[in-house]
Amino acid sequence: MVIFRSVFDNFLHLRRNGYFLDAVEEFKKYGGTSMNIVNFPDYNYAPEDHYTKLYEETISVAREASNRGVNTVITIGPYPLDYFYFISAGIDPILSMKTGIDLAARMIREGKADAMGEIGFPHFPVEDNVYKDSGKILEYALDVCKDYDIPLILHTEDMSSHGYAKIEEIIKKHYSIDRVMKHHANAVDLGYSTSILKSLVASRNNVRIALESGSDFLLETDYTDQREKPGKVIPVYSVPKRCEMIKNSCINYSEIFHRIFEEIPYRFYRKEFFDL
């Protein structure tokens, strides 16, 4: 196990009805120190107070993780597939999700959370009107985040170079590129001509390609904490395990760790606990 002062998983979900604090302990066992806890879609909450309940639960879960000795970033915001939830409830999805964006921004300004996300587009083909509406919601979120200097995490399908160019064009019209990150990115994305920061799923192949690229990146598991799907997307200990791989293959591993676990996260989230 690599012992380093900061080993940061940039994107995961924790749930009380998942492995929850056992997952936190597993993360720590392998050397993990910090994690970005993102709200996990939960459609058991009624539409009228959906986001209030969801955000409060995410913040509470993160607080309990912190009590177990893990530093946390907290990300809250409407998930693109919430659109279909509100449609099925007979409620205007654009208005409802904009309300969720406003609430997230207020809670972040109050210091209860740190970033907004995951905002953007469904990760599978949808009808044109859904895609256009999703674009309107993203633009609104970018405007709100610009007003309050809030970092925003994107959710999209896997994108080509052309897809990144389209998203970057949207961002530049509404906010600053350096305040927006694409989560669940692939290492091949680092070769595209785009300034959007990428958070890579911490597979061995992604890490190998990313290190060879010389580009900035973060690592994440996108762990969903579902007992019925253990390890989805990859296991909670994967980022600490990739540290072993980096240490064994890179002479300058300490410099790499400092960059991806401290400098870049601090620059994006502006959180003090990364101990620069």
C-alpha atoms as a PDB file:
ATOM      1  CA  MET A   1       0.000   0.000   0.000  1.00  0.00           C
ATOM      2  CA  VAL A   2       1.279   3.457  -0.944  1.00  0.00           C
ATOM      3  CA  ILE A   3       1.178   5.862   1.984  1.00  0.00           C
ATOM      4  CA  PHE A   4       0.812   9.413   0.717  1.00  0.00           C
ATOM      5  CA  ARG A   5      -0.621  12.461   2.398  1.00  0.00           C
ATOM      6  CA  SER A   6      -3.453  12.822  -0.164  1.00  0.00           C
ATOM      7  CA  VAL A   7      -5.060  10.106  -2.310  1.00  0.00           C
ATOM      8  CA  PHE A   8      -8.207  11.625  -3.797  1.00  0.00           C
ATOM      9  CA  ASP A   9     -11.086   9.862  -5.557  1.00  0.00           C
ATOM     10  CA  ASN A  10     -12.625  12.680  -7.565  1.00  0.00           C
ATOM     11  CA  PHE A  11     -16.110  11.208  -8.054  1.00  0.00           C
ATOM     12  CA  LEU A  12     -18.103   8.558  -6.240  1.00  0.00           C
ATOM     13  CA  HIS A  13     -21.484   7.954  -4.671  1.00  0.00           C
ATOM     14  CA  LEU A  14     -22.187   6.667  -1.160  1.00  0.00           C
ATOM     15  CA  ARG A  15     -25.592   5.461   0.016  1.00  0.00           C
ATOM     16  CA  ARG A  16     -26.954   4.342   3.370  1.00  0.00           C
ATOM     17  CA  ASN A  17     -28.554   1.320   1.729  1.00  0.00           C
ATOM     18  CA  GLY A  18     -25.301   0.517  -0.067  1.00  0.00           C
ATOM     19  CA  TYR A  19     -22.023  -0.449   1.597  1.00  0.00           C
ATOM     20  CA  PHE A  20     -21.795   3.129   2.942  1.00  0.00           C
ATOM     21  CA  LEU A  21     -19.285   3.355   5.814  1.00  0.00           C
ATOM     22  CA  ASP A  22     -17.885  -0.087   5.014  1.00  0.00           C
ATOM     23  CA  ALA A  23     -16.961   1.359   1.621  1.00  0.00           C
ATOM     24  CA  VAL A  24     -15.305   4.301   3.363  1.00  0.00           C
ATOM     25  CA  GLU A  25     -13.252   1.919   5.506  1.00  0.00           C
ATOM     26  CA  GLU A  26     -12.291  -0.108   2.424  1.00  0.00           C
ATOM     27  CA  PHE A  27     -11.134   3.083   0.720  1.00  0.00           C
ATOM     28  CA  LYS A  28      -9.041   4.001   3.763  1.00  0.00           C
ATOM     29  CA  LYS A  29      -7.646   0.477   4.104  1.00  0.00           C
ATOM     30  CA  TYR A  30      -5.905   0.806   0.737  1.00  0.00           C
ATOM     31  CA  GLY A  31      -4.588   4.305   1.439  1.00  0.00           C
ATOM     32  CA  GLY A  32      -7.399   6.597   0.304  1.00  0.00           C
ATOM     33  CA  THR A  33      -7.613   9.912   2.158  1.00  0.00           C
ATOM     34  CA  SER A  34     -10.091  12.133   0.294  1.00  0.00           C
ATOM     35  CA  MET A  35     -13.195  11.732  -1.842  1.00  0.00           C
ATOM     36  CA  ASN A  36     -15.724  13.780  -3.764  1.00  0.00           C
ATOM     37  CA  ILE A  37     -19.157  12.490  -2.705  1.00  0.00           C
ATOM     38  CA  VAL A  38     -21.810  13.185  -5.337  1.00  0.00           C
ATOM     39  CA  ASN A  39     -25.549  12.850  -4.835  1.00  0.00           C
ATOM     40  CA  PHE A  40     -26.930   9.585  -6.204  1.00  0.00           C
ATOM     41  CA  PRO A  41     -30.317   9.737  -8.013  1.00  0.00           C
ATOM     42  CA  ASP A  42     -33.118   8.638  -5.694  1.00  0.00           C
ATOM     43  CA  TYR A  43     -36.638   8.782  -7.057  1.00  0.00           C
ATOM     44  CA  ASN A  44     -38.261   7.766  -3.783  1.00  0.00           C
ATOM     45  CA  TYR A  45     -38.306  11.454  -2.873  1.00  0.00           C
ATOM     46  CA  ALA A  46     -41.525  13.250  -3.850  1.00  0.00           C
ATOM     47  CA  PRO A  47     -41.180  15.769  -6.709  1.00  0.00           C
ATOM     48  CA  GLU A  48     -42.089  18.791  -4.574  1.00  0.00           C
ATOM     49  CA  ASP A  49     -39.144  18.389  -2.167  1.00  0.00           C
ATOM     50  CA  HIS A  50     -37.003  16.036  -4.240  1.00  0.00           C
ATOM     51  CA  TYR A  51     -33.849  18.145  -4.284  1.00  0.00           C
ATOM     52  CA  THR A  52     -34.122  19.339  -0.709  1.00  0.00           C
ATOM     53  CA  LYS A  53     -34.229  15.745   0.548  1.00  0.00           C
ATOM     54  CA  LEU A  54     -31.575  14.520  -1.892  1.00  0.00           C
ATOM     55  CA  TYR A  55     -29.063  17.254  -1.079  1.00  0.00           C
ATOM     56  CA  GLU A  56     -29.608  17.033   2.661  1.00  0.00           C
ATOM     57  CA  GLU A  57     -29.035  13.276   2.544  1.00  0.00           C
ATOM     58  CA  THR A  58     -25.857  13.674   0.478  1.00  0.00           C
ATOM     59  CA  ILE A  59     -24.486  16.228   2.926  1.00  0.00           C
ATOM     60  CA  SER A  60     -25.374  13.986   5.873  1.00  0.00           C
ATOM     61  CA  VAL A  61     -23.689  10.973   4.257  1.00  0.00           C
ATOM     62  CA  ALA A  62     -20.561  13.043   3.580  1.00  0.00           C
ATOM     63  CA  ARG A  63     -20.510  14.233   7.187  1.00  0.00           C
ATOM     64  CA  GLU A  64     -20.519  10.632   8.418  1.00  0.00           C
ATOM     65  CA  ALA A  65     -17.714   9.758   6.007  1.00  0.00           C
ATOM     66  CA  SER A  66     -15.737  12.702   7.368  1.00  0.00           C
ATOM     67  CA  ASN A  67     -16.293  11.401  10.874  1.00  0.00           C
ATOM     68  CA  ARG A  68     -14.507   8.222   9.774  1.00  0.00           C
ATOM     69  CA  GLY A  69     -11.398  10.228   8.934  1.00  0.00           C
ATOM     70  CA  VAL A  70     -11.865  10.861   5.210  1.00  0.00           C
ATOM     71  CA  ASN A  71     -11.684  14.396   3.829  1.00  0.00           C
ATOM     72  CA  THR A  72     -14.637  15.175   1.616  1.00  0.00           C
ATOM     73  CA  VAL A  73     -15.712  17.365  -1.234  1.00  0.00           C
ATOM     74  CA  ILE A  74     -19.513  17.441  -1.664  1.00  0.00           C
ATOM     75  CA  THR A  75     -21.146  17.807  -5.081  1.00  0.00           C
ATOM     76  CA  ILE A  76     -24.887  18.362  -5.437  1.00  0.00           C
ATOM     77  CA  GLY A  77     -27.150  19.148  -8.355  1.00  0.00           C
ATOM     78  CA  PRO A  78     -29.750  17.790 -10.775  1.00  0.00           C
ATOM     79  CA  TYR A  79     -28.820  14.616 -12.653  1.00  0.00           C
ATOM     80  CA  PRO A  80     -29.721  14.652 -16.393  1.00  0.00           C
ATOM     81  CA  LEU A  81     -32.066  11.671 -16.060  1.00  0.00           C
ATOM     82  CA  ASP A  82     -34.114  13.573 -13.471  1.00  0.00           C
ATOM     83  CA  TYR A  83     -35.744  15.030 -16.591  1.00  0.00           C
ATOM     84  CA  PHE A  84     -37.639  11.783 -17.171  1.00  0.00           C
ATOM     85  CA  TYR A  85     -38.643  11.521 -13.505  1.00  0.00           C
ATOM     86  CA  PHE A  86     -40.368  14.893 -13.600  1.00  0.00           C
ATOM     87  CA  ILE A  87     -41.963  14.127 -16.976  1.00  0.00           C
ATOM     88  CA  SER A  88     -43.447  10.907 -15.556  1.00  0.00           C
ATOM     89  CA  ALA A  89     -44.784  12.900 -12.590  1.00  0.00           C
ATOM     90  CA  GLY A  90     -46.513  15.341 -14.935  1.00  0.00           C
ATOM     91  CA  ILE A  91     -44.270  18.223 -13.859  1.00  0.00           C
ATOM     92  CA  ASP A  92     -42.277  20.668 -15.992  1.00  0.00           C
ATOM     93  CA  PRO A  93     -38.768  19.156 -15.941  1.00  0.00           C
ATOM     94  CA  ILE A  94     -36.946  22.327 -16.975  1.00  0.00           C
ATOM     95  CA  LEU A  95     -38.527  24.426 -14.230  1.00  0.00           C
ATOM     96  CA  SER A  96     -38.013  21.675 -11.631  1.00  0.00           C
ATOM     97  CA  MET A  97     -34.351  21.160 -12.515  1.00  0.00           C
ATOM     98  CA  LYS A  98     -33.674  24.915 -12.587  1.00  0.00           C
ATOM     99  CA  THR A  99     -35.166  25.060  -9.103  1.00  0.00           C
ATOM    100  CA  GLY A 100     -32.774  22.259  -8.125  1.00  0.00           C
ATOM    101  CA  ILE A 101     -29.868  24.260  -9.537  1.00  0.00           C
ATOM    102  CA  ASP A 102     -30.892  27.345  -7.553  1.00  0.00           C
ATOM    103  CA  LEU A 103     -31.163  25.314  -4.353  1.00  0.00           C
ATOM    104  CA  ALA A 104     -27.768  23.675  -4.927  1.00  0.00           C
ATOM    105  CA  ALA A 105     -26.174  27.075  -5.500  1.00  0.00           C
ATOM    106  CA  ARG A 106     -27.654  28.428  -2.274  1.00  0.00           C
ATOM    107  CA  MET A 107     -26.435  25.469  -0.241  1.00  0.00           C
ATOM    108  CA  ILE A 108     -22.966  25.756  -1.768  1.00  0.00           C
ATOM    109  CA  ARG A 109     -22.862  29.475  -0.963  1.00  0.00           C
ATOM    110  CA  GLU A 110     -23.844  28.602   2.604  1.00  0.00           C
ATOM    111  CA  GLY A 111     -20.806  26.328   2.825  1.00  0.00           C
ATOM    112  CA  LYS A 112     -22.795  23.082   2.997  1.00  0.00           C
ATOM    113  CA  ALA A 113     -21.389  21.729  -0.285  1.00  0.00           C
ATOM    114  CA  ASP A 114     -18.576  22.560  -2.683  1.00  0.00           C
ATOM    115  CA  ALA A 115     -19.492  21.938  -6.328  1.00  0.00           C
ATOM    116  CA  MET A 116     -22.476  21.556  -8.630  1.00  0.00           C
ATOM    117  CA  GLY A 117     -23.043  18.403 -10.641  1.00  0.00           C
ATOM    118  CA  GLU A 118     -23.470  16.194 -12.375  1.00  0.00           C
ATOM    119  CA  ILE A 119     -25.112  18.486 -14.932  1.00  0.00           C
ATOM    120  CA  GLY A 120     -25.453  17.972 -18.670  1.00  0.00           C
ATOM    121  CA  PHE A 121     -26.872  15.421 -21.068  1.00  0.00           C
ATOM    122  CA  PRO A 122     -28.125  11.817 -20.865  1.00  0.00           C
ATOM    123  CA  HIS A 123     -25.421   9.267 -21.657  1.00  0.00           C
ATOM    124  CA  PHE A 124     -27.586   7.447 -24.222  1.00  0.00           C
ATOM    125  CA  PRO A 125     -29.451   8.575 -27.366  1.00  0.00           C
ATOM    126  CA  VAL A 126     -32.575  10.654 -26.667  1.00  0.00           C
ATOM    127  CA  GLU A 127     -35.098  12.561 -28.745  1.00  0.00           C
ATOM    128  CA  ASP A 128     -34.034  15.960 -30.047  1.00  0.00           C
ATOM    129  CA  ASN A 129     -36.357  17.865 -27.718  1.00  0.00           C
ATOM    130  CA  VAL A 130     -34.858  16.142 -24.663  1.00  0.00           C
ATOM    131  CA  TYR A 131     -31.342  16.977 -25.827  1.00  0.00           C
ATOM    132  CA  LYS A 132     -32.294  20.605 -26.460  1.00  0.00           C
ATOM    133  CA  ASP A 133     -33.981  20.898 -23.064  1.00  0.00           C
ATOM    134  CA  SER A 134     -30.916  19.376 -21.418  1.00  0.00           C
ATOM    135  CA  GLY A 135     -28.805  22.030 -23.127  1.00  0.00           C
ATOM    136  CA  LYS A 136     -31.050  24.757 -21.715  1.00  0.00           C
ATOM    137  CA  ILE A 137     -30.667  23.308 -18.212  1.00  0.00           C
ATOM    138  CA  LEU A 138     -26.881  23.141 -18.595  1.00  0.00           C
ATOM    139  CA  GLU A 139     -26.741  26.739 -19.809  1.00  0.00           C
ATOM    140  CA  TYR A 140     -28.789  27.856 -16.820  1.00  0.00           C
ATOM    141  CA  ALA A 141     -26.469  25.966 -14.455  1.00  0.00           C
ATOM    142  CA  LEU A 142     -23.418  27.559 -16.073  1.00  0.00           C
ATOM    143  CA  ASP A 143     -24.935  31.018 -15.625  1.00  0.00           C
ATOM    144  CA  VAL A 144     -25.735  30.362 -11.971  1.00  0.00           C
ATOM    145  CA  CYS A 145     -22.274  28.939 -11.323  1.00  0.00           C
ATOM    146  CA  LYS A 146     -20.711  31.977 -12.994  1.00  0.00           C
ATOM    147  CA  ASP A 147     -22.694  34.298 -10.724  1.00  0.00           C
ATOM    148  CA  TYR A 148     -21.276  32.621  -7.611  1.00  0.00           C
ATOM    149  CA  ASP A 149     -17.960  31.177  -8.888  1.00  0.00           C
ATOM    150  CA  ILE A 150     -19.044  27.561  -8.295  1.00  0.00           C
ATOM    151  CA  PRO A 151     -17.177  24.654  -9.936  1.00  0.00           C
ATOM    152  CA  LEU A 152     -19.404  22.577 -12.226  1.00  0.00           C
ATOM    153  CA  ILE A 153     -19.045  18.878 -13.062  1.00  0.00           C
ATOM    154  CA  LEU A 154     -20.387  17.710 -16.414  1.00  0.00           C
ATOM    155  CA  HIS A 155     -22.300  14.514 -17.169  1.00  0.00           C
ATOM    156  CA  THR A 156     -22.353  13.554 -20.850  1.00  0.00           C
ATOM    157  CA  GLU A 157     -22.148  10.603 -23.156  1.00  0.00           C
ATOM    158  CA  ASP A 158     -18.668   9.467 -24.228  1.00  0.00           C
ATOM    159  CA  MET A 159     -17.573  12.247 -26.564  1.00  0.00           C
ATOM    160  CA  SER A 160     -15.489  12.552 -29.699  1.00  0.00           C
ATOM    161  CA  SER A 161     -13.272  15.541 -30.359  1.00  0.00           C
ATOM    162  CA  HIS A 162     -16.253  17.153 -32.095  1.00  0.00           C
ATOM    163  CA  GLY A 163     -18.438  16.550 -29.046  1.00  0.00           C
ATOM    164  CA  TYR A 164     -15.926  18.237 -26.771  1.00  0.00           C
ATOM    165  CA  ALA A 165     -15.723  21.195 -29.161  1.00  0.00           C
ATOM    166  CA  LYS A 166     -19.504  21.625 -29.031  1.00  0.00           C
ATOM    167  CA  ILE A 167     -19.575  21.492 -25.210  1.00  0.00           C
ATOM    168  CA  GLU A 168     -16.640  23.869 -24.945  1.00  0.00           C
ATOM    169  CA  GLU A 169     -18.437  26.345 -27.198  1.00  0.00           C
ATOM    170  CA  ILE A 170     -21.462  26.271 -24.872  1.00  0.00           C
ATOM    171  CA  ILE A 171     -19.306  26.728 -21.776  1.00  0.00           C
ATOM    172  CA  LYS A 172     -17.390  29.689 -23.206  1.00  0.00           C
ATOM    173  CA  LYS A 173     -20.648  31.537 -23.861  1.00  0.00           C
ATOM    174  CA  HIS A 174     -21.708  31.215 -20.223  1.00  0.00           C
ATOM    175  CA  TYR A 175     -18.742  30.582 -17.907  1.00  0.00           C
ATOM    176  CA  SER A 176     -15.010  29.977 -17.681  1.00  0.00           C
ATOM    177  CA  ILE A 177     -13.562  26.716 -18.999  1.00  0.00           C
ATOM    178  CA  ASP A 178     -11.286  26.303 -15.985  1.00  0.00           C
ATOM    179  CA  ARG A 179     -14.329  26.046 -13.663  1.00  0.00           C
ATOM    180  CA  VAL A 180     -15.867  23.092 -15.554  1.00  0.00           C
ATOM    181  CA  MET A 181     -14.838  19.429 -15.464  1.00  0.00           C
ATOM    182  CA  LYS A 182     -15.937  16.381 -17.476  1.00  0.00           C
ATOM    183  CA  HIS A 183     -16.378  13.378 -15.205  1.00  0.00           C
ATOM    184  CA  HIS A 184     -16.243   9.730 -16.344  1.00  0.00           C
ATOM    185  CA  ALA A 185     -13.823  10.642 -19.115  1.00  0.00           C
ATOM    186  CA  ASN A 186     -11.646   8.235 -21.075  1.00  0.00           C
ATOM    187  CA  ALA A 187      -7.889   8.610 -21.414  1.00  0.00           C
ATOM    188  CA  VAL A 188      -8.179   8.993 -25.185  1.00  0.00           C
ATOM    189  CA  ASP A 189     -10.025  12.265 -24.477  1.00  0.00           C
ATOM    190  CA  LEU A 190      -6.755  13.796 -23.271  1.00  0.00           C
ATOM    191  CA  GLY A 191      -5.591  13.844 -26.888  1.00  0.00           C
ATOM    192  CA  TYR A 192      -8.468  16.043 -28.046  1.00  0.00           C
ATOM    193  CA  SER A 193      -8.011  19.756 -28.598  1.00  0.00           C
ATOM    194  CA  THR A 194     -10.045  20.988 -25.639  1.00  0.00           C
ATOM    195  CA  SER A 195      -9.297  22.836 -22.409  1.00  0.00           C
ATOM    196  CA  ILE A 196     -11.950  21.057 -20.340  1.00  0.00           C
ATOM    197  CA  LEU A 197     -10.424  19.270 -17.350  1.00  0.00           C
ATOM    198  CA  LYS A 198     -11.031  15.513 -17.486  1.00  0.00           C
ATOM    199  CA  SER A 199     -11.651  13.178 -14.579  1.00  0.00           C
ATOM    200  CA  LEU A 200     -10.716   9.683 -15.744  1.00  0.00           C
ATOM    201  CA  VAL A 201     -12.181   6.409 -14.571  1.00  0.00           C
ATOM    202  CA  ALA A 202      -9.211   4.880 -12.747  1.00  0.00           C
ATOM    203  CA  SER A 203      -8.727   1.768 -14.845  1.00  0.00           C
ATOM    204  CA  ARG A 204      -5.193   0.507 -15.414  1.00  0.00           C
ATOM    205  CA  ASN A 205      -5.347   1.291 -19.135  1.00  0.00           C
ATOM    206  CA  ASN A 206      -6.642   4.811 -18.567  1.00  0.00           C
ATOM    207  CA  VAL A 207      -3.860   5.526 -16.090  1.00  0.00           C
ATOM    208  CA  ARG A 208      -1.158   4.207 -18.441  1.00  0.00           C
ATOM    209  CA  ILE A 209      -2.378   6.370 -21.333  1.00  0.00           C
ATOM    210  CA  ALA A 210      -2.892   9.419 -19.122  1.00  0.00           C
ATOM    211  CA  LEU A 211       0.645   9.259 -17.734  1.00  0.00           C
ATOM    212  CA  GLU A 212       2.081   9.009 -21.239  1.00  0.00           C
ATOM    213  CA  SER A 213       0.041  12.012 -22.400  1.00  0.00           C
ATOM    214  CA  GLY A 214       1.595  14.483 -19.980  1.00  0.00           C
ATOM    215  CA  SER A 215      -1.810  16.204 -19.675  1.00  0.00           C
ATOM    216  CA  ASP A 216      -3.634  17.305 -16.545  1.00  0.00           C
ATOM    217  CA  PHE A 217      -6.242  14.863 -15.254  1.00  0.00           C
ATOM    218  CA  LEU A 218      -7.936  13.598 -12.112  1.00  0.00           C
ATOM    219  CA  LEU A 219      -8.845  10.039 -11.155  1.00  0.00           C
ATOM    220  CA  GLU A 220     -12.227   8.710 -10.078  1.00  0.00           C
ATOM    221  CA  THR A 221     -14.069   5.450  -9.580  1.00  0.00           C
ATOM    222  CA  ASP A 222     -17.632   6.664 -10.262  1.00  0.00           C
ATOM    223  CA  TYR A 223     -18.418   4.025  -7.637  1.00  0.00           C
ATOM    224  CA  THR A 224     -22.201   3.773  -7.265  1.00  0.00           C
ATOM    225  CA  ASP A 225     -22.422   1.895  -3.924  1.00  0.00           C
ATOM    226  CA  GLN A 226     -25.112  -0.562  -4.936  1.00  0.00           C
ATOM    227  CA  ARG A 227     -25.181  -3.877  -3.079  1.00  0.00           C
ATOM    228  CA  GLU A 228     -26.891  -5.476  -6.051  1.00  0.00           C
ATOM    229  CA  LYS A 229     -24.045  -4.261  -8.313  1.00  0.00           C
ATOM    230  CA  PRO A 230     -20.899  -4.364  -6.160  1.00  0.00           C
ATOM    231  CA  GLY A 231     -17.926  -2.529  -7.587  1.00  0.00           C
ATOM    232  CA  LYS A 232     -19.878  -0.574 -10.198  1.00  0.00           C
ATOM    233  CA  VAL A 233     -18.344   1.317 -12.035  1.00  0.00           C
ATOM    234  CA  ILE A 234     -15.075   0.085 -10.520  1.00  0.00           C
ATOM    235  CA  PRO A 235     -14.340  -0.834  -6.885  1.00  0.00           C
ATOM    236  CA  VAL A 236     -14.064   1.871  -4.253  1.00  0.00           C
ATOM    237  CA  TYR A 237     -10.395   1.069  -3.586  1.00  0.00           C
ATOM    238  CA  SER A 238      -9.353   1.500  -7.245  1.00  0.00           C
ATOM    239  CA  VAL A 239      -7.781   4.969  -7.007  1.00  0.00           C
ATOM    240  CA  PRO A 240      -5.489   3.995  -4.091  1.00  0.00           C
ATOM    241  CA  LYS A 241      -4.600   0.788  -5.969  1.00  0.00           C
ATOM    242  CA  ARG A 242      -3.593   2.800  -9.035  1.00  0.00           C
ATOM    243  CA  CYS A 243      -1.129   4.595  -6.750  1.00  0.00           C
ATOM    244  CA  GLU A 244       0.717   1.301  -6.369  1.00  0.00           C
ATOM    245  CA  MET A 245       0.820   1.006 -10.144  1.00  0.00           C
ATOM    246  CA  ILE A 246       2.100   4.571 -10.592  1.00  0.00           C
ATOM    247  CA  LYS A 247       4.757   4.154  -7.896  1.00  0.00           C
ATOM    248  CA  ASN A 248       6.003   0.934  -9.469  1.00  0.00           C
ATOM    249  CA  SER A 249       6.236   2.414 -12.970  1.00  0.00           C
ATOM    250  CA  CYS A 250       7.219   6.077 -12.527  1.00  0.00           C
ATOM    251  CA  ILE A 251      10.380   7.409 -10.903  1.00  0.00           C
ATOM    252  CA  ASN A 252       8.649  10.772 -10.387  1.00  0.00           C
ATOM    253  CA  TYR A 253       5.602   9.217  -8.722  1.00  0.00           C
ATOM    254  CA  SER A 254       5.674  11.660  -5.811  1.00  0.00           C
ATOM    255  CA  GLU A 255       5.427  14.577  -8.217  1.00  0.00           C
ATOM    256  CA  ILE A 256       2.539  12.867 -10.046  1.00  0.00           C
ATOM    257  CA  PHE A 257       0.654  12.243  -6.800  1.00  0.00           C
ATOM    258  CA  HIS A 258       1.127  15.847  -5.730  1.00  0.00           C
ATOM    259  CA  ARG A 259      -0.198  17.043  -9.065  1.00  0.00           C
ATOM    260  CA  ILE A 260      -3.321  14.873  -9.424  1.00  0.00           C
ATOM    261  CA  PHE A 261      -4.277  14.568  -5.754  1.00  0.00           C
ATOM    262  CA  GLU A 262      -3.400  18.058  -4.495  1.00  0.00           C
ATOM    263  CA  GLU A 263      -2.568  20.774  -7.017  1.00  0.00           C
ATOM    264  CA  ILE A 264      -5.297  20.128  -9.588  1.00  0.00           C
ATOM    265  CA  PRO A 265      -8.094  19.403  -7.082  1.00  0.00           C
ATOM    266  CA  TYR A 266      -7.147  22.501  -5.088  1.00  0.00           C
ATOM    267  CA  ARG A 267      -7.171  24.616  -8.221  1.00  0.00           C
ATOM    268  CA  PHE A 268     -10.605  23.339  -9.234  1.00  0.00           C
ATOM    269  CA  TYR A 269     -12.441  23.053  -5.897  1.00  0.00           C
ATOM    270  CA  ARG A 270     -10.423  25.637  -3.953  1.00  0.00           C
ATOM    271  CA  LYS A 271     -10.616  23.451  -0.850  1.00  0.00           C
ATOM    272  CA  GLU A 272      -7.972  23.921   1.783  1.00  0.00           C
ATOM    273  CA  PHE A 273      -7.692  20.326   3.006  1.00  0.00           C
ATOM    274  CA  PHE A 274      -5.461  19.177   0.151  1.00  0.00           C
ATOM    275  CA  ASP A 275      -2.588  20.453   2.296  1.00  0.00           C
ATOM    276  CA  LEU A 276      -0.410  22.188  -0.301  1.00  0.00           C
END
